[in-house]
N, C-alpha and C. Protein backbone atom coordinates (compact mmCIF):
# COMPACT_ATOMS: atom_id res chain seq x y z
N MET A 1 -32.78 9.00 9.57
CA MET A 1 -31.40 8.60 9.59
C MET A 1 -30.79 8.72 8.20
N ALA A 2 -29.52 8.89 8.16
CA ALA A 2 -28.81 9.04 6.90
C ALA A 2 -28.47 7.68 6.31
N ASP A 3 -28.40 7.65 5.01
CA ASP A 3 -27.99 6.42 4.34
C ASP A 3 -26.48 6.27 4.45
N ILE A 4 -26.03 5.06 4.70
CA ILE A 4 -24.61 4.79 4.83
C ILE A 4 -24.12 4.25 3.50
N LEU A 5 -23.10 4.90 2.96
CA LEU A 5 -22.52 4.49 1.69
C LEU A 5 -21.28 3.66 1.94
N LYS A 6 -21.17 2.58 1.21
CA LYS A 6 -19.98 1.76 1.32
C LYS A 6 -19.01 2.16 0.22
N PHE A 7 -17.81 2.54 0.62
CA PHE A 7 -16.77 2.87 -0.33
C PHE A 7 -15.83 1.69 -0.45
N ARG A 8 -15.61 1.28 -1.68
CA ARG A 8 -14.72 0.16 -1.92
C ARG A 8 -13.54 0.63 -2.77
N LYS A 9 -12.43 -0.07 -2.65
CA LYS A 9 -11.30 0.21 -3.51
C LYS A 9 -11.63 -0.26 -4.92
N LYS A 10 -11.17 0.50 -5.90
CA LYS A 10 -11.40 0.11 -7.28
C LYS A 10 -10.48 -1.04 -7.65
N LYS A 11 -10.99 -1.92 -8.48
CA LYS A 11 -10.18 -3.02 -8.98
C LYS A 11 -9.14 -2.46 -9.95
N PRO A 12 -8.01 -3.12 -10.08
CA PRO A 12 -6.96 -2.59 -10.98
C PRO A 12 -7.43 -2.39 -12.42
N GLY A 13 -8.31 -3.23 -12.90
CA GLY A 13 -8.81 -3.06 -14.26
C GLY A 13 -9.69 -1.83 -14.41
N LEU A 14 -10.39 -1.45 -13.37
CA LEU A 14 -11.29 -0.30 -13.44
C LEU A 14 -10.57 1.02 -13.15
N LYS A 15 -9.40 0.97 -12.53
CA LYS A 15 -8.65 2.19 -12.24
C LYS A 15 -8.25 2.91 -13.52
N SER A 16 -7.81 2.16 -14.52
CA SER A 16 -7.30 2.76 -15.74
C SER A 16 -8.35 2.83 -16.84
N LYS A 17 -9.60 2.56 -16.53
CA LYS A 17 -10.63 2.58 -17.55
C LYS A 17 -10.81 4.01 -18.06
N GLY A 18 -10.73 4.18 -19.35
CA GLY A 18 -10.88 5.49 -19.96
C GLY A 18 -9.59 6.27 -20.06
N LYS A 19 -8.52 5.78 -19.52
CA LYS A 19 -7.24 6.47 -19.58
C LYS A 19 -6.30 5.66 -20.47
N THR A 20 -6.50 5.75 -21.76
CA THR A 20 -5.68 4.96 -22.67
C THR A 20 -4.39 5.69 -22.97
N LEU A 21 -3.49 4.99 -23.57
CA LEU A 21 -2.21 5.59 -23.92
C LEU A 21 -2.38 6.70 -24.95
N CYS A 22 -3.23 6.48 -25.93
CA CYS A 22 -3.41 7.48 -26.97
C CYS A 22 -4.05 8.76 -26.42
N ALA A 23 -4.89 8.64 -25.43
CA ALA A 23 -5.51 9.83 -24.85
C ALA A 23 -4.48 10.69 -24.14
N ASN A 24 -3.36 10.10 -23.76
CA ASN A 24 -2.29 10.83 -23.09
C ASN A 24 -1.11 11.10 -24.02
N ASN A 25 -1.38 11.10 -25.34
CA ASN A 25 -0.37 11.38 -26.38
C ASN A 25 0.77 10.39 -26.41
N HIS A 26 0.51 9.14 -26.13
CA HIS A 26 1.51 8.08 -26.27
C HIS A 26 1.05 7.15 -27.38
N HIS A 27 1.10 7.69 -28.61
CA HIS A 27 0.64 6.92 -29.76
C HIS A 27 1.69 5.90 -30.17
N LYS A 28 1.25 4.92 -30.93
CA LYS A 28 2.13 3.90 -31.47
C LYS A 28 2.20 4.12 -32.98
N TRP A 29 3.14 4.98 -33.40
CA TRP A 29 3.22 5.41 -34.79
C TRP A 29 3.82 4.32 -35.66
N LYS A 30 3.23 4.16 -36.85
CA LYS A 30 3.73 3.23 -37.85
C LYS A 30 3.64 3.93 -39.21
N ILE A 31 4.65 3.76 -40.03
CA ILE A 31 4.67 4.41 -41.34
C ILE A 31 3.65 3.75 -42.26
N ASP A 32 2.83 4.60 -42.90
CA ASP A 32 1.82 4.12 -43.85
C ASP A 32 2.32 4.44 -45.25
N ASN A 33 2.56 3.42 -46.05
CA ASN A 33 3.13 3.59 -47.38
C ASN A 33 2.07 3.79 -48.46
N ALA A 34 0.84 4.08 -48.09
CA ALA A 34 -0.23 4.23 -49.07
C ALA A 34 0.02 5.42 -49.99
N ARG A 35 0.40 6.55 -49.43
CA ARG A 35 0.73 7.71 -50.26
C ARG A 35 2.00 8.35 -49.72
N GLN A 36 2.93 8.61 -50.62
CA GLN A 36 4.22 9.16 -50.22
C GLN A 36 4.51 10.49 -50.89
N PHE A 37 3.59 10.96 -51.72
CA PHE A 37 3.83 12.18 -52.48
C PHE A 37 2.67 13.12 -52.28
N ASP A 38 2.95 14.36 -51.89
CA ASP A 38 1.92 15.37 -51.71
C ASP A 38 1.73 16.09 -53.03
N VAL A 39 0.55 15.98 -53.61
CA VAL A 39 0.29 16.53 -54.93
C VAL A 39 0.23 18.05 -54.90
N THR A 40 -0.33 18.63 -53.86
CA THR A 40 -0.51 20.08 -53.83
C THR A 40 0.81 20.83 -53.71
N SER A 41 1.73 20.34 -52.89
CA SER A 41 3.00 21.04 -52.73
C SER A 41 4.12 20.40 -53.56
N GLY A 42 3.91 19.23 -54.12
CA GLY A 42 4.90 18.58 -54.96
C GLY A 42 6.11 18.08 -54.19
N LYS A 43 5.91 17.63 -52.95
CA LYS A 43 7.03 17.18 -52.12
C LYS A 43 6.77 15.76 -51.62
N LEU A 44 7.85 15.09 -51.28
CA LEU A 44 7.72 13.77 -50.66
C LEU A 44 7.35 13.94 -49.19
N ILE A 45 6.43 13.12 -48.73
CA ILE A 45 6.01 13.16 -47.33
C ILE A 45 6.05 11.76 -46.75
N THR A 46 6.10 11.69 -45.44
CA THR A 46 5.97 10.43 -44.74
C THR A 46 4.68 10.50 -43.93
N LEU A 47 3.81 9.55 -44.14
CA LEU A 47 2.53 9.51 -43.44
C LEU A 47 2.63 8.51 -42.31
N TYR A 48 2.44 8.98 -41.10
CA TYR A 48 2.44 8.12 -39.92
C TYR A 48 1.00 7.92 -39.46
N ARG A 49 0.66 6.69 -39.08
CA ARG A 49 -0.68 6.36 -38.59
C ARG A 49 -0.54 5.59 -37.28
N CYS A 50 -1.32 5.97 -36.27
CA CYS A 50 -1.29 5.27 -34.99
C CYS A 50 -1.98 3.92 -35.15
N GLU A 51 -1.33 2.88 -34.67
CA GLU A 51 -1.90 1.54 -34.80
C GLU A 51 -3.10 1.34 -33.90
N ARG A 52 -3.16 2.05 -32.79
CA ARG A 52 -4.26 1.84 -31.84
C ARG A 52 -5.49 2.65 -32.16
N CYS A 53 -5.32 3.95 -32.45
CA CYS A 53 -6.51 4.79 -32.60
C CYS A 53 -6.73 5.30 -34.03
N GLY A 54 -5.72 5.19 -34.91
CA GLY A 54 -5.89 5.58 -36.29
C GLY A 54 -5.63 7.04 -36.62
N VAL A 55 -5.11 7.81 -35.69
CA VAL A 55 -4.78 9.22 -35.93
C VAL A 55 -3.61 9.29 -36.91
N GLN A 56 -3.65 10.29 -37.79
CA GLN A 56 -2.61 10.44 -38.79
C GLN A 56 -1.76 11.68 -38.52
N LYS A 57 -0.48 11.61 -38.88
CA LYS A 57 0.36 12.80 -38.89
C LYS A 57 1.30 12.67 -40.06
N THR A 58 1.64 13.80 -40.67
CA THR A 58 2.52 13.80 -41.82
C THR A 58 3.79 14.54 -41.49
N ARG A 59 4.85 14.17 -42.21
CA ARG A 59 6.14 14.80 -42.00
C ARG A 59 6.81 14.96 -43.37
N LEU A 60 7.28 16.16 -43.66
CA LEU A 60 7.98 16.40 -44.92
C LEU A 60 9.38 15.86 -44.85
N LEU A 61 9.86 15.34 -45.96
CA LEU A 61 11.23 14.84 -46.03
C LEU A 61 12.18 15.91 -46.48
């Protein structure tokens, strides 16, 4: 005889497990004032850092 598998609905907390906002490019950007000047190009930059995952992006002024 075959084994019978019981399928249950996932709990709401387990449905979204592994699907974070940052994984779907919904970062929470905050300006990081640690460095505002790019030495190599000699220009002012704005450094953005995601509060949740720590990814950085820069933008020239």
